[in-house]
């Protein structure tokens, strides 16, 4: 806890969410597949966590990243 500044469980959740977000913006994998591979209970659970963290749905996050890379 002292080294991370947070609990181990919270750090694991943060890494899982970051990994999922990276897969969303950098791959064309379906959201459900990403959710499963990152340990979320389903696409809706991942969607909720992505919206909380990034203020966008997974598809909005994917599209906004693609718009940035096209310019």
Protein backbone atom coordinates (compact mmCIF):
# COMPACT_ATOMS: atom_id res chain seq x y z
CA UNK A 1 0.00 0.00 0.00
CA UNK A 2 2.80 2.43 0.85
CA UNK A 3 4.65 1.82 -2.40
CA UNK A 4 1.55 2.09 -4.61
CA UNK A 5 -0.36 4.71 -2.67
CA UNK A 6 -3.44 2.50 -3.02
CA UNK A 7 -4.53 -1.03 -2.20
CA UNK A 8 -3.33 -3.96 -4.25
CA UNK A 9 -6.92 -4.69 -5.32
CA UNK A 10 -7.39 -1.13 -6.55
CA UNK A 11 -4.12 -1.28 -8.48
CA UNK A 12 -5.23 -4.51 -10.16
CA UNK A 13 -8.57 -2.89 -11.12
CA UNK A 14 -6.70 0.13 -12.52
CA UNK A 15 -4.41 -2.05 -14.63
CA UNK A 16 -7.32 -4.18 -15.93
CA UNK A 17 -9.22 -1.03 -16.94
CA UNK A 18 -6.15 0.51 -18.59
CA UNK A 19 -5.48 -2.71 -20.49
CA UNK A 20 -9.10 -2.85 -21.66
CA UNK A 21 -9.01 0.81 -22.77
CA UNK A 22 -5.78 0.18 -24.69
CA UNK A 23 -7.37 -2.80 -26.45
CA UNK A 24 -10.48 -0.79 -27.25
CA UNK A 25 -8.56 2.00 -28.96
CA UNK A 26 -5.80 -0.09 -30.55
CA UNK A 27 -7.69 -3.15 -31.83
CA UNK A 28 -10.89 -4.00 -33.62
CA UNK A 29 -11.74 -6.75 -31.15
CA UNK A 30 -15.37 -6.83 -29.99
CA UNK A 31 -15.99 -5.13 -26.65
CA UNK A 32 -17.39 -8.39 -25.19
CA UNK A 33 -14.16 -10.20 -26.07
CA UNK A 34 -12.07 -7.44 -24.52
CA UNK A 35 -14.21 -7.50 -21.38
CA UNK A 36 -13.77 -11.24 -21.00
CA UNK A 37 -10.03 -11.17 -21.64
CA UNK A 38 -9.53 -8.41 -19.05
CA UNK A 39 -11.57 -10.12 -16.33
CA UNK A 40 -14.79 -8.10 -16.45
CA UNK A 41 -18.09 -9.92 -16.00
CA UNK A 42 -19.32 -8.73 -19.38
CA UNK A 43 -19.44 -5.93 -21.91
CA UNK A 44 -21.95 -3.93 -19.87
CA UNK A 45 -19.73 -4.06 -16.77
CA UNK A 46 -16.74 -2.93 -18.81
CA UNK A 47 -18.86 -0.20 -20.39
CA UNK A 48 -19.87 1.11 -16.99
CA UNK A 49 -16.25 1.23 -15.79
CA UNK A 50 -15.04 2.89 -19.01
CA UNK A 51 -17.76 5.55 -18.74
CA UNK A 52 -16.81 6.22 -15.12
CA UNK A 53 -13.12 6.56 -15.94
CA UNK A 54 -13.19 8.25 -19.36
CA UNK A 55 -16.64 9.84 -19.64
CA UNK A 56 -17.35 7.92 -22.86
CA UNK A 57 -18.80 4.59 -23.85
CA UNK A 58 -16.30 2.02 -25.15
CA UNK A 59 -17.42 2.69 -28.73
CA UNK A 60 -17.16 6.46 -28.26
CA UNK A 61 -13.66 5.96 -26.85
CA UNK A 62 -12.73 3.83 -29.88
CA UNK A 63 -14.17 6.33 -32.36
CA UNK A 64 -12.60 9.37 -30.69
CA UNK A 65 -9.19 7.70 -30.82
CA UNK A 66 -9.66 6.80 -34.49
CA UNK A 67 -10.65 10.38 -35.27
CA UNK A 68 -7.43 11.60 -33.65
CA UNK A 69 -5.26 9.16 -35.57
CA UNK A 70 -6.84 10.07 -38.93
CA UNK A 71 -5.76 13.70 -38.73
